[in-house]
Amino acid sequence: MSEPGEQSTATAQQDPRPSVAPPPKHRTMRTRVRHFRARVRSKPKANKAWRLGIGILGTIVLILGVIAIPYPGPGWLIVFAGLGILATEFAWAGRLLRFARRHYDRWMAWVGRQHVVVKCLLGLLTCAIVLVTLWLLGAPYLLAKVVGLGHWTWLQSPFA
C-alpha cells in the first residue's frame, strides 16, 4: 500500500483528466494589467493621477513626433505612438488616431502613384522645411562659427 500523500502508478495511469497547461504569459500579463487598471479606476484620486500622467506622457511623445515629422526618421511613428498612449485613456485620442492613420495611408498611397517629378518636388519641399527649421534654431550660424565663418551673420536666426 502506498503512503497517504502518494499516488500509486496504477491510479496515475487511470486518471482520465488531461493535464492542464499554464496559460500563455501574454494572457497572464494582459490580465494583470487589466486588474491593475481596475484597481486604479476604483480609487478616484489614483485614477485622476494616472490619467494625468498618461496625458502628460502621451502629449510629450506626440509633440516630439510632430517636431520629428519633417526630419529623416520615424516622425509619423512617434506621432502614432503618442496618440496610442493617449488613446489608452481618452476616447478622443482614439478617434484622432484612426483619423490620422486613415489620412496618412491615403497620402502615402497618393504619393506612391505620382510621377517621379512630383516625388522629387515633395522631397525638395521637405528639405526646405528642415533647413528653415534648422535656421530658425540657429544651427547654421553655430556651425559657421565652429569652422571660422562667424562673420556670416546672415546665417543667424531671427530669434537669436
N, C-alpha and C. Protein backbone atom coordinates (compact mmCIF):
# COMPACT_ATOMS: atom_id res chain seq x y z
N MET A 1 0.85 -1.18 0.00
CA MET A 1 0.00 0.00 0.00
C MET A 1 0.89 1.24 0.00
N SER A 2 0.44 2.29 -0.61
CA SER A 2 1.27 3.50 -0.72
C SER A 2 1.01 4.44 0.44
N GLU A 3 1.91 5.39 0.56
CA GLU A 3 1.79 6.40 1.62
C GLU A 3 0.57 7.27 1.36
N PRO A 4 0.07 8.00 2.42
CA PRO A 4 -1.15 8.79 2.25
C PRO A 4 -1.00 9.90 1.20
N GLY A 5 0.15 10.53 1.04
CA GLY A 5 0.30 11.65 0.09
C GLY A 5 0.69 11.19 -1.29
N GLU A 6 1.00 9.92 -1.49
CA GLU A 6 1.46 9.44 -2.78
C GLU A 6 0.31 8.85 -3.57
N GLN A 7 0.51 8.85 -4.86
CA GLN A 7 -0.50 8.27 -5.74
C GLN A 7 0.14 7.05 -6.38
N SER A 8 -0.55 5.97 -6.42
CA SER A 8 0.04 4.77 -7.00
C SER A 8 0.14 4.93 -8.51
N THR A 9 1.03 4.19 -9.13
CA THR A 9 1.20 4.29 -10.58
C THR A 9 -0.05 3.82 -11.31
N ALA A 10 -0.76 2.89 -10.75
CA ALA A 10 -1.98 2.41 -11.39
C ALA A 10 -3.03 3.52 -11.39
N THR A 11 -3.16 4.25 -10.29
CA THR A 11 -4.14 5.34 -10.21
C THR A 11 -3.74 6.47 -11.14
N ALA A 12 -2.43 6.78 -11.21
CA ALA A 12 -1.96 7.86 -12.07
C ALA A 12 -2.24 7.54 -13.53
N GLN A 13 -2.14 6.30 -13.92
CA GLN A 13 -2.38 5.92 -15.30
C GLN A 13 -3.86 5.90 -15.63
N GLN A 14 -4.70 5.71 -14.64
CA GLN A 14 -6.13 5.63 -14.88
C GLN A 14 -6.81 6.99 -14.81
N ASP A 15 -6.08 8.06 -14.45
CA ASP A 15 -6.67 9.39 -14.30
C ASP A 15 -7.11 9.90 -15.68
N PRO A 16 -8.42 10.03 -15.92
CA PRO A 16 -8.91 10.43 -17.24
C PRO A 16 -8.73 11.94 -17.50
N ARG A 17 -8.45 12.74 -16.47
CA ARG A 17 -8.32 14.19 -16.66
C ARG A 17 -7.00 14.51 -17.36
N PRO A 18 -7.04 15.30 -18.42
CA PRO A 18 -5.79 15.71 -19.07
C PRO A 18 -5.07 16.73 -18.18
N SER A 19 -3.77 16.77 -18.29
CA SER A 19 -3.04 17.76 -17.50
C SER A 19 -3.31 19.14 -18.10
N VAL A 20 -3.49 20.12 -17.25
CA VAL A 20 -3.82 21.47 -17.68
C VAL A 20 -2.53 22.26 -17.80
N ALA A 21 -2.29 22.82 -19.00
CA ALA A 21 -1.09 23.63 -19.22
C ALA A 21 -1.34 25.03 -18.64
N PRO A 22 -0.30 25.66 -18.13
CA PRO A 22 -0.49 27.03 -17.62
C PRO A 22 -0.84 27.96 -18.77
N PRO A 23 -1.60 29.02 -18.49
CA PRO A 23 -1.99 29.94 -19.57
C PRO A 23 -0.75 30.64 -20.14
N PRO A 24 -0.82 31.06 -21.41
CA PRO A 24 0.32 31.75 -22.00
C PRO A 24 0.67 33.02 -21.23
N LYS A 25 1.93 33.40 -21.25
CA LYS A 25 2.37 34.55 -20.47
C LYS A 25 1.69 35.84 -20.92
N HIS A 26 1.48 36.04 -22.23
CA HIS A 26 0.87 37.28 -22.68
C HIS A 26 -0.54 37.42 -22.12
N ARG A 27 -1.25 36.34 -22.00
CA ARG A 27 -2.60 36.41 -21.44
C ARG A 27 -2.52 36.74 -19.95
N THR A 28 -1.57 36.16 -19.27
CA THR A 28 -1.40 36.43 -17.86
C THR A 28 -1.04 37.90 -17.64
N MET A 29 -0.12 38.42 -18.46
CA MET A 29 0.27 39.82 -18.33
C MET A 29 -0.90 40.74 -18.63
N ARG A 30 -1.66 40.42 -19.67
CA ARG A 30 -2.82 41.24 -20.02
C ARG A 30 -3.81 41.26 -18.87
N THR A 31 -4.03 40.10 -18.26
CA THR A 31 -4.94 40.01 -17.13
C THR A 31 -4.43 40.84 -15.97
N ARG A 32 -3.14 40.75 -15.72
CA ARG A 32 -2.56 41.54 -14.63
C ARG A 32 -2.73 43.03 -14.87
N VAL A 33 -2.50 43.46 -16.09
CA VAL A 33 -2.64 44.88 -16.42
C VAL A 33 -4.09 45.32 -16.24
N ARG A 34 -5.02 44.50 -16.70
CA ARG A 34 -6.44 44.85 -16.55
C ARG A 34 -6.85 44.94 -15.08
N HIS A 35 -6.36 44.02 -14.27
CA HIS A 35 -6.68 44.07 -12.84
C HIS A 35 -6.05 45.29 -12.19
N PHE A 36 -4.80 45.59 -12.58
CA PHE A 36 -4.14 46.79 -12.04
C PHE A 36 -4.93 48.03 -12.40
N ARG A 37 -5.34 48.14 -13.67
CA ARG A 37 -6.08 49.33 -14.11
C ARG A 37 -7.43 49.41 -13.41
N ALA A 38 -8.07 48.28 -13.17
CA ALA A 38 -9.35 48.28 -12.46
C ALA A 38 -9.17 48.76 -11.02
N ARG A 39 -8.07 48.34 -10.37
CA ARG A 39 -7.80 48.82 -9.01
C ARG A 39 -7.57 50.32 -9.00
N VAL A 40 -6.85 50.81 -9.99
CA VAL A 40 -6.59 52.26 -10.07
C VAL A 40 -7.89 53.01 -10.31
N ARG A 41 -8.73 52.49 -11.21
CA ARG A 41 -10.01 53.15 -11.51
C ARG A 41 -10.92 53.20 -10.28
N SER A 42 -10.79 52.24 -9.39
CA SER A 42 -11.68 52.20 -8.22
C SER A 42 -11.33 53.28 -7.19
N LYS A 43 -10.17 53.89 -7.32
CA LYS A 43 -9.75 54.95 -6.40
C LYS A 43 -9.71 56.27 -7.17
N PRO A 44 -10.65 57.19 -6.89
CA PRO A 44 -10.75 58.42 -7.69
C PRO A 44 -9.46 59.23 -7.78
N LYS A 45 -8.76 59.40 -6.68
CA LYS A 45 -7.53 60.20 -6.72
C LYS A 45 -6.45 59.50 -7.54
N ALA A 46 -6.31 58.21 -7.37
CA ALA A 46 -5.32 57.46 -8.14
C ALA A 46 -5.68 57.46 -9.62
N ASN A 47 -6.97 57.37 -9.93
CA ASN A 47 -7.41 57.39 -11.32
C ASN A 47 -7.08 58.73 -11.96
N LYS A 48 -7.33 59.82 -11.24
CA LYS A 48 -7.02 61.15 -11.76
C LYS A 48 -5.52 61.30 -12.00
N ALA A 49 -4.72 60.84 -11.05
CA ALA A 49 -3.27 60.91 -11.18
C ALA A 49 -2.79 60.07 -12.37
N TRP A 50 -3.36 58.88 -12.52
CA TRP A 50 -2.99 58.00 -13.63
C TRP A 50 -3.30 58.66 -14.97
N ARG A 51 -4.53 59.19 -15.07
CA ARG A 51 -4.93 59.83 -16.33
C ARG A 51 -4.08 61.07 -16.61
N LEU A 52 -3.74 61.82 -15.58
CA LEU A 52 -2.88 62.99 -15.75
C LEU A 52 -1.50 62.55 -16.24
N GLY A 53 -0.95 61.52 -15.64
CA GLY A 53 0.35 61.02 -16.06
C GLY A 53 0.35 60.52 -17.50
N ILE A 54 -0.68 59.76 -17.86
CA ILE A 54 -0.81 59.28 -19.24
C ILE A 54 -0.98 60.46 -20.19
N GLY A 55 -1.76 61.45 -19.78
CA GLY A 55 -1.96 62.64 -20.62
C GLY A 55 -0.66 63.40 -20.86
N ILE A 56 0.13 63.57 -19.81
CA ILE A 56 1.40 64.28 -19.95
C ILE A 56 2.37 63.48 -20.82
N LEU A 57 2.52 62.20 -20.54
CA LEU A 57 3.43 61.35 -21.31
C LEU A 57 3.03 61.30 -22.78
N GLY A 58 1.76 61.06 -23.05
CA GLY A 58 1.29 60.99 -24.43
C GLY A 58 1.46 62.30 -25.17
N THR A 59 1.21 63.42 -24.48
CA THR A 59 1.37 64.73 -25.11
C THR A 59 2.83 65.01 -25.44
N ILE A 60 3.74 64.65 -24.54
CA ILE A 60 5.17 64.86 -24.81
C ILE A 60 5.61 64.03 -26.02
N VAL A 61 5.21 62.77 -26.06
CA VAL A 61 5.57 61.91 -27.19
C VAL A 61 4.96 62.44 -28.48
N LEU A 62 3.71 62.89 -28.42
CA LEU A 62 3.04 63.44 -29.59
C LEU A 62 3.75 64.68 -30.11
N ILE A 63 4.11 65.59 -29.23
CA ILE A 63 4.81 66.82 -29.63
C ILE A 63 6.17 66.49 -30.25
N LEU A 64 6.91 65.57 -29.63
CA LEU A 64 8.19 65.16 -30.20
C LEU A 64 8.00 64.57 -31.59
N GLY A 65 6.94 63.81 -31.78
CA GLY A 65 6.66 63.23 -33.09
C GLY A 65 6.33 64.29 -34.12
N VAL A 66 5.53 65.28 -33.74
CA VAL A 66 5.19 66.36 -34.68
C VAL A 66 6.45 67.13 -35.07
N ILE A 67 7.33 67.36 -34.11
CA ILE A 67 8.59 68.05 -34.42
C ILE A 67 9.45 67.20 -35.35
N ALA A 68 9.42 65.89 -35.18
CA ALA A 68 10.27 64.99 -35.96
C ALA A 68 9.72 64.65 -37.34
N ILE A 69 8.50 65.03 -37.65
CA ILE A 69 7.90 64.65 -38.93
C ILE A 69 8.76 65.04 -40.14
N PRO A 70 9.22 66.29 -40.26
CA PRO A 70 9.95 66.62 -41.49
C PRO A 70 11.37 66.06 -41.54
N TYR A 71 11.89 65.59 -40.45
CA TYR A 71 13.27 65.12 -40.40
C TYR A 71 13.34 63.64 -40.75
N PRO A 72 14.51 63.21 -41.24
CA PRO A 72 14.66 61.78 -41.51
C PRO A 72 14.47 60.97 -40.23
N GLY A 73 13.75 59.90 -40.34
CA GLY A 73 13.50 59.07 -39.17
C GLY A 73 12.02 58.81 -38.98
N PRO A 74 11.69 58.26 -37.85
CA PRO A 74 10.32 57.77 -37.62
C PRO A 74 9.37 58.82 -37.05
N GLY A 75 9.27 59.99 -37.67
CA GLY A 75 8.40 61.05 -37.15
C GLY A 75 6.95 60.63 -37.00
N TRP A 76 6.39 60.07 -38.07
CA TRP A 76 4.98 59.67 -38.01
C TRP A 76 4.77 58.51 -37.04
N LEU A 77 5.75 57.64 -36.95
CA LEU A 77 5.64 56.53 -36.00
C LEU A 77 5.56 57.07 -34.57
N ILE A 78 6.34 58.10 -34.29
CA ILE A 78 6.32 58.71 -32.94
C ILE A 78 4.98 59.39 -32.70
N VAL A 79 4.44 60.06 -33.73
CA VAL A 79 3.11 60.69 -33.60
C VAL A 79 2.07 59.64 -33.28
N PHE A 80 2.08 58.54 -34.04
CA PHE A 80 1.10 57.48 -33.80
C PHE A 80 1.29 56.83 -32.43
N ALA A 81 2.54 56.74 -31.97
CA ALA A 81 2.79 56.19 -30.63
C ALA A 81 2.23 57.12 -29.57
N GLY A 82 2.43 58.42 -29.73
CA GLY A 82 1.87 59.38 -28.77
C GLY A 82 0.36 59.33 -28.72
N LEU A 83 -0.27 59.25 -29.90
CA LEU A 83 -1.73 59.14 -29.93
C LEU A 83 -2.19 57.81 -29.34
N GLY A 84 -1.41 56.77 -29.57
CA GLY A 84 -1.75 55.46 -28.99
C GLY A 84 -1.70 55.49 -27.47
N ILE A 85 -0.69 56.17 -26.92
CA ILE A 85 -0.59 56.31 -25.46
C ILE A 85 -1.80 57.07 -24.94
N LEU A 86 -2.13 58.17 -25.60
CA LEU A 86 -3.29 58.96 -25.16
C LEU A 86 -4.59 58.17 -25.33
N ALA A 87 -4.68 57.35 -26.37
CA ALA A 87 -5.91 56.60 -26.64
C ALA A 87 -6.19 55.55 -25.58
N THR A 88 -5.19 55.17 -24.79
CA THR A 88 -5.45 54.20 -23.73
C THR A 88 -6.37 54.77 -22.66
N GLU A 89 -6.44 56.09 -22.56
CA GLU A 89 -7.27 56.72 -21.53
C GLU A 89 -8.31 57.69 -22.06
N PHE A 90 -8.13 58.19 -23.28
CA PHE A 90 -9.01 59.24 -23.78
C PHE A 90 -9.62 58.81 -25.12
N ALA A 91 -10.95 58.79 -25.18
CA ALA A 91 -11.65 58.34 -26.38
C ALA A 91 -11.36 59.26 -27.57
N TRP A 92 -11.25 60.57 -27.34
CA TRP A 92 -10.99 61.50 -28.43
C TRP A 92 -9.66 61.18 -29.11
N ALA A 93 -8.67 60.72 -28.35
CA ALA A 93 -7.37 60.38 -28.93
C ALA A 93 -7.48 59.14 -29.81
N GLY A 94 -8.32 58.21 -29.44
CA GLY A 94 -8.54 57.03 -30.27
C GLY A 94 -9.16 57.40 -31.60
N ARG A 95 -10.15 58.31 -31.55
CA ARG A 95 -10.77 58.78 -32.80
C ARG A 95 -9.76 59.52 -33.66
N LEU A 96 -8.94 60.37 -33.03
CA LEU A 96 -7.93 61.12 -33.76
C LEU A 96 -6.87 60.19 -34.35
N LEU A 97 -6.51 59.15 -33.63
CA LEU A 97 -5.54 58.17 -34.13
C LEU A 97 -6.07 57.47 -35.37
N ARG A 98 -7.32 57.02 -35.34
CA ARG A 98 -7.91 56.37 -36.51
C ARG A 98 -7.98 57.34 -37.69
N PHE A 99 -8.37 58.58 -37.43
CA PHE A 99 -8.44 59.61 -38.47
C PHE A 99 -7.06 59.85 -39.08
N ALA A 100 -6.04 60.03 -38.24
CA ALA A 100 -4.69 60.33 -38.71
C ALA A 100 -4.12 59.16 -39.52
N ARG A 101 -4.31 57.94 -39.04
CA ARG A 101 -3.79 56.78 -39.76
C ARG A 101 -4.48 56.63 -41.12
N ARG A 102 -5.78 56.86 -41.15
CA ARG A 102 -6.52 56.73 -42.41
C ARG A 102 -5.99 57.75 -43.44
N HIS A 103 -5.82 59.00 -42.99
CA HIS A 103 -5.37 60.03 -43.92
C HIS A 103 -3.88 59.88 -44.26
N TYR A 104 -3.08 59.41 -43.33
CA TYR A 104 -1.68 59.13 -43.64
C TYR A 104 -1.58 58.04 -44.70
N ASP A 105 -2.35 56.98 -44.55
CA ASP A 105 -2.34 55.90 -45.55
C ASP A 105 -2.79 56.41 -46.91
N ARG A 106 -3.82 57.25 -46.92
CA ARG A 106 -4.30 57.81 -48.19
C ARG A 106 -3.24 58.70 -48.82
N TRP A 107 -2.54 59.53 -48.02
CA TRP A 107 -1.49 60.41 -48.52
C TRP A 107 -0.35 59.58 -49.11
N MET A 108 0.09 58.55 -48.40
CA MET A 108 1.19 57.74 -48.89
C MET A 108 0.81 57.00 -50.17
N ALA A 109 -0.42 56.56 -50.27
CA ALA A 109 -0.89 55.90 -51.49
C ALA A 109 -0.89 56.90 -52.65
N TRP A 110 -1.32 58.14 -52.39
CA TRP A 110 -1.34 59.18 -53.41
C TRP A 110 0.08 59.49 -53.88
N VAL A 111 1.00 59.67 -52.94
CA VAL A 111 2.39 59.95 -53.29
C VAL A 111 2.97 58.79 -54.11
N GLY A 112 2.66 57.58 -53.75
CA GLY A 112 3.15 56.42 -54.48
C GLY A 112 2.69 56.37 -55.92
N ARG A 113 1.54 56.96 -56.22
CA ARG A 113 1.00 56.96 -57.58
C ARG A 113 1.55 58.10 -58.44
N GLN A 114 2.26 59.06 -57.82
CA GLN A 114 2.69 60.24 -58.54
C GLN A 114 3.93 59.99 -59.39
N HIS A 115 4.12 60.88 -60.36
CA HIS A 115 5.29 60.85 -61.23
C HIS A 115 6.53 61.18 -60.41
N VAL A 116 7.67 60.76 -60.90
CA VAL A 116 8.93 60.95 -60.17
C VAL A 116 9.22 62.45 -59.95
N VAL A 117 8.78 63.32 -60.85
CA VAL A 117 9.00 64.76 -60.69
C VAL A 117 8.25 65.27 -59.46
N VAL A 118 7.02 64.84 -59.29
CA VAL A 118 6.24 65.25 -58.13
C VAL A 118 6.91 64.75 -56.84
N LYS A 119 7.39 63.52 -56.86
CA LYS A 119 8.07 62.97 -55.69
C LYS A 119 9.33 63.77 -55.38
N CYS A 120 10.08 64.17 -56.40
CA CYS A 120 11.28 64.99 -56.17
C CYS A 120 10.90 66.35 -55.61
N LEU A 121 9.84 66.95 -56.11
CA LEU A 121 9.40 68.25 -55.57
C LEU A 121 8.98 68.12 -54.11
N LEU A 122 8.32 67.03 -53.77
CA LEU A 122 7.95 66.81 -52.37
C LEU A 122 9.20 66.63 -51.51
N GLY A 123 10.22 65.94 -52.04
CA GLY A 123 11.48 65.80 -51.33
C GLY A 123 12.17 67.14 -51.12
N LEU A 124 12.16 67.99 -52.15
CA LEU A 124 12.75 69.32 -52.02
C LEU A 124 11.99 70.18 -51.01
N LEU A 125 10.67 70.05 -51.00
CA LEU A 125 9.87 70.78 -50.02
C LEU A 125 10.23 70.33 -48.60
N THR A 126 10.40 69.03 -48.42
CA THR A 126 10.80 68.51 -47.11
C THR A 126 12.17 69.05 -46.71
N CYS A 127 13.12 69.07 -47.66
CA CYS A 127 14.45 69.63 -47.37
C CYS A 127 14.35 71.10 -46.99
N ALA A 128 13.51 71.85 -47.69
CA ALA A 128 13.35 73.27 -47.38
C ALA A 128 12.80 73.46 -45.97
N ILE A 129 11.83 72.65 -45.58
CA ILE A 129 11.26 72.74 -44.23
C ILE A 129 12.33 72.44 -43.19
N VAL A 130 13.14 71.43 -43.44
CA VAL A 130 14.22 71.08 -42.49
C VAL A 130 15.22 72.22 -42.39
N LEU A 131 15.64 72.78 -43.52
CA LEU A 131 16.62 73.87 -43.50
C LEU A 131 16.07 75.12 -42.80
N VAL A 132 14.82 75.44 -43.05
CA VAL A 132 14.23 76.61 -42.40
C VAL A 132 14.15 76.40 -40.88
N THR A 133 13.75 75.22 -40.45
CA THR A 133 13.67 75.00 -39.00
C THR A 133 15.05 74.99 -38.37
N LEU A 134 16.04 74.43 -39.05
CA LEU A 134 17.41 74.48 -38.52
C LEU A 134 17.90 75.93 -38.45
N TRP A 135 17.59 76.74 -39.46
CA TRP A 135 17.98 78.15 -39.46
C TRP A 135 17.29 78.90 -38.31
N LEU A 136 16.01 78.62 -38.11
CA LEU A 136 15.29 79.27 -37.01
C LEU A 136 15.87 78.89 -35.65
N LEU A 137 16.40 77.68 -35.55
CA LEU A 137 17.03 77.24 -34.30
C LEU A 137 18.47 77.73 -34.15
N GLY A 138 19.04 78.31 -35.22
CA GLY A 138 20.39 78.86 -35.15
C GLY A 138 21.50 77.86 -35.44
N ALA A 139 21.18 76.71 -35.95
CA ALA A 139 22.20 75.68 -36.20
C ALA A 139 23.21 76.06 -37.28
N PRO A 140 22.81 76.67 -38.42
CA PRO A 140 23.83 77.01 -39.43
C PRO A 140 24.86 78.02 -38.93
N TYR A 141 24.42 79.03 -38.17
CA TYR A 141 25.36 80.03 -37.67
C TYR A 141 26.30 79.41 -36.64
N LEU A 142 25.79 78.53 -35.82
CA LEU A 142 26.65 77.84 -34.85
C LEU A 142 27.72 77.03 -35.56
N LEU A 143 27.34 76.33 -36.62
CA LEU A 143 28.30 75.56 -37.40
C LEU A 143 29.29 76.49 -38.10
N ALA A 144 28.80 77.62 -38.63
CA ALA A 144 29.68 78.59 -39.29
C ALA A 144 30.72 79.13 -38.32
N LYS A 145 30.33 79.40 -37.09
CA LYS A 145 31.29 79.90 -36.09
C LYS A 145 32.34 78.83 -35.78
N VAL A 146 31.93 77.56 -35.75
CA VAL A 146 32.87 76.48 -35.45
C VAL A 146 33.94 76.37 -36.53
N VAL A 147 33.56 76.56 -37.79
CA VAL A 147 34.53 76.44 -38.88
C VAL A 147 35.19 77.77 -39.25
N GLY A 148 34.98 78.82 -38.46
CA GLY A 148 35.65 80.10 -38.67
C GLY A 148 34.94 81.06 -39.59
N LEU A 149 33.66 80.86 -39.79
CA LEU A 149 32.88 81.77 -40.64
C LEU A 149 31.85 82.55 -39.83
N GLY A 150 32.24 82.98 -38.64
CA GLY A 150 31.33 83.72 -37.76
C GLY A 150 30.92 85.06 -38.31
N HIS A 151 31.65 85.57 -39.32
CA HIS A 151 31.30 86.85 -39.93
C HIS A 151 30.11 86.72 -40.89
N TRP A 152 29.67 85.52 -41.16
CA TRP A 152 28.49 85.32 -41.99
C TRP A 152 27.24 85.49 -41.13
N THR A 153 26.93 86.69 -40.81
CA THR A 153 25.81 86.97 -39.89
C THR A 153 24.46 86.67 -40.52
N TRP A 154 24.41 86.54 -41.84
CA TRP A 154 23.14 86.24 -42.49
C TRP A 154 22.63 84.85 -42.12
N LEU A 155 23.50 84.04 -41.52
CA LEU A 155 23.09 82.70 -41.07
C LEU A 155 22.42 82.74 -39.69
N GLN A 156 22.48 83.88 -39.03
CA GLN A 156 21.92 83.98 -37.68
C GLN A 156 20.40 83.82 -37.71
N SER A 157 19.90 83.19 -36.68
CA SER A 157 18.46 83.03 -36.53
C SER A 157 17.85 84.37 -36.14
N PRO A 158 16.65 84.66 -36.61
CA PRO A 158 15.99 85.91 -36.19
C PRO A 158 15.61 85.88 -34.71
N PHE A 159 15.62 84.72 -34.10
CA PHE A 159 15.28 84.61 -32.69
C PHE A 159 16.48 84.68 -31.77
N ALA A 160 17.69 84.72 -32.34
CA ALA A 160 18.91 84.72 -31.52
C ALA A 160 19.23 86.10 -31.00
